[in-house]
Amino acid sequence: MMRLIVCDNQQEIACLGADMIAEVITANPTAVLGLATGSTPVPMYAELIRRYEAGQLDFSTVRSVNLDEYYPLAPDNDQSYRYFMNKNLFDKVKPYVPLIVGVLVVIVLLWLLLSGTKSREWILEKALDII
């Protein structure tokens, strides 16, 4: 069931989103986070950076996946999703694995499911902690 949470301003939303991600990282330090690009999550990323710099959050074993990427853009191209994530979060919090190219991850997860190697439950429970 989806919850609808109404906030008064952008900073409140950013803190609430950062709280949710922090809970996942605290509960599972090797979490795989599915993170979005675009202007909407940038204030949340700033809040995560603030908490990291304050010593409240450790990203050293966290991994991330982005479900999109422009092919064949290089990671340092300012139009790529990896560049965006590095600029807005990863360069500042130093995660264990800054970015897994999402398209490849989705293909592998789909293969694991369709081949019967892993169950849908395993994929939902173990493969990705937040998407």
Protein backbone atom coordinates (compact mmCIF):
# COMPACT_ATOMS: atom_id res chain seq x y z
CA MET A 1 0.00 0.00 0.00
CA MET A 2 1.35 3.39 -0.97
CA ARG A 3 1.50 6.17 1.60
CA LEU A 4 0.92 9.78 0.67
CA ILE A 5 2.95 12.18 2.78
CA VAL A 6 2.23 15.89 2.46
CA CYS A 7 5.07 18.23 3.36
CA ASP A 8 5.08 21.99 3.79
CA ASN A 9 8.23 22.72 1.79
CA GLN A 10 11.08 21.30 -0.25
CA GLN A 11 13.47 21.07 2.72
CA GLU A 12 10.98 18.99 4.69
CA ILE A 13 10.64 16.62 1.73
CA ALA A 14 14.44 16.44 1.38
CA CYS A 15 14.85 15.56 5.07
CA LEU A 16 12.11 12.95 4.93
CA GLY A 17 13.65 11.30 1.87
CA ALA A 18 17.09 11.40 3.49
CA ASP A 19 15.59 9.82 6.64
CA MET A 20 14.26 6.93 4.56
CA ILE A 21 17.57 6.33 2.81
CA ALA A 22 19.48 6.66 6.10
CA GLU A 23 17.22 4.01 7.68
CA VAL A 24 18.03 1.59 4.87
CA ILE A 25 21.79 2.25 5.07
CA THR A 26 21.77 1.89 8.86
CA ALA A 27 19.82 -1.37 8.69
CA ASN A 28 21.93 -2.70 5.80
CA PRO A 29 25.36 -1.08 5.36
CA THR A 30 25.84 -2.93 2.05
CA ALA A 31 22.54 -1.68 0.65
CA VAL A 32 22.06 -1.23 -3.08
CA LEU A 33 20.22 2.03 -3.65
CA GLY A 34 18.21 2.84 -6.75
CA LEU A 35 18.59 6.61 -7.05
CA ALA A 36 17.00 9.14 -9.37
CA THR A 37 18.49 11.93 -11.41
CA GLY A 38 16.95 15.29 -12.17
CA SER A 39 16.35 18.37 -10.07
CA THR A 40 13.77 16.86 -7.69
CA PRO A 41 16.14 14.72 -5.56
CA VAL A 42 19.02 17.25 -5.47
CA PRO A 43 17.94 18.81 -2.11
CA MET A 44 17.70 15.29 -0.65
CA TYR A 45 21.20 14.51 -1.90
CA ALA A 46 22.41 17.74 -0.26
CA GLU A 47 20.87 16.57 3.03
CA LEU A 48 22.54 13.15 2.70
CA ILE A 49 25.87 14.92 2.07
CA ARG A 50 25.32 17.09 5.16
CA ARG A 51 24.69 14.00 7.29
CA TYR A 52 27.74 12.26 5.83
CA GLU A 53 29.96 15.26 6.56
CA ALA A 54 28.56 15.41 10.12
CA GLY A 55 29.58 11.76 10.61
CA GLN A 56 25.96 10.61 10.87
CA LEU A 57 25.95 8.42 7.76
CA ASP A 58 28.51 6.05 6.21
CA PHE A 59 28.38 5.30 2.50
CA SER A 60 31.63 3.31 2.37
CA THR A 61 29.92 -0.02 1.66
CA VAL A 62 26.84 1.29 -0.15
CA ARG A 63 26.30 0.62 -3.84
CA SER A 64 23.97 2.36 -6.26
CA VAL A 65 22.17 1.57 -9.46
CA ASN A 66 20.66 3.94 -11.97
CA LEU A 67 18.09 2.40 -14.25
CA ASP A 68 18.91 4.67 -17.16
CA GLU A 69 22.00 5.77 -18.99
CA TYR A 70 22.60 7.34 -22.34
CA TYR A 71 24.67 5.09 -24.56
CA PRO A 72 27.43 5.67 -25.61
CA LEU A 73 28.05 8.73 -23.39
CA ALA A 74 31.20 8.47 -21.28
CA PRO A 75 30.77 8.71 -17.48
CA ASP A 76 32.53 12.10 -17.48
CA ASN A 77 30.20 13.57 -20.12
CA ASP A 78 28.10 16.25 -18.42
CA GLN A 79 24.96 14.81 -20.06
CA SER A 80 25.38 11.33 -18.57
CA TYR A 81 23.52 10.10 -15.50
CA ARG A 82 26.76 8.97 -13.94
CA TYR A 83 28.18 12.47 -14.22
CA PHE A 84 25.02 13.85 -12.59
CA MET A 85 25.19 11.38 -9.68
CA ASN A 86 28.93 11.96 -9.19
CA LYS A 87 28.45 15.73 -9.16
CA ASN A 88 25.40 15.73 -6.89
CA LEU A 89 26.22 12.92 -4.45
CA PHE A 90 28.96 10.35 -5.04
CA ASP A 91 31.96 12.68 -5.28
CA LYS A 92 31.06 13.95 -1.81
CA VAL A 93 30.07 10.79 0.08
CA LYS A 94 32.47 8.25 -1.50
CA PRO A 95 30.31 5.13 -1.76
CA TYR A 96 31.91 1.71 -2.14
CA VAL A 97 30.74 1.36 -5.74
CA PRO A 98 29.61 4.72 -7.08
CA LEU A 99 27.39 3.48 -9.87
CA ILE A 100 26.41 0.28 -11.53
CA VAL A 101 25.13 0.87 -15.04
CA GLY A 102 21.47 0.17 -14.55
CA VAL A 103 20.56 -1.26 -17.93
CA LEU A 104 23.05 -4.09 -17.49
CA VAL A 105 21.79 -4.75 -13.96
CA VAL A 106 18.19 -4.95 -15.15
CA ILE A 107 19.18 -7.36 -17.92
CA VAL A 108 21.06 -9.60 -15.47
CA LEU A 109 18.20 -9.56 -12.95
CA LEU A 110 15.73 -10.39 -15.71
CA TRP A 111 17.93 -13.27 -16.85
CA LEU A 112 18.20 -14.57 -13.26
CA LEU A 113 14.42 -14.50 -12.98
CA LEU A 114 13.58 -15.98 -16.38
CA SER A 115 16.22 -18.69 -16.17
CA GLY A 116 14.90 -19.82 -12.81
CA THR A 117 18.29 -19.15 -11.19
CA LYS A 118 16.74 -16.76 -8.67
CA SER A 119 13.17 -16.25 -7.57
CA ARG A 120 11.18 -13.04 -7.86
CA GLU A 121 11.22 -12.87 -4.07
CA TRP A 122 15.04 -13.13 -3.97
CA ILE A 123 15.40 -10.37 -6.52
CA LEU A 124 12.97 -8.09 -4.70
CA GLU A 125 14.45 -8.84 -1.29
CA LYS A 126 18.17 -9.11 -1.96
CA ALA A 127 19.10 -7.48 -5.23
CA LEU A 128 17.87 -3.94 -4.64
CA ASP A 129 17.15 -2.33 -1.32
CA ILE A 130 15.59 0.89 -2.62
CA ILE A 131 14.27 1.62 -6.07
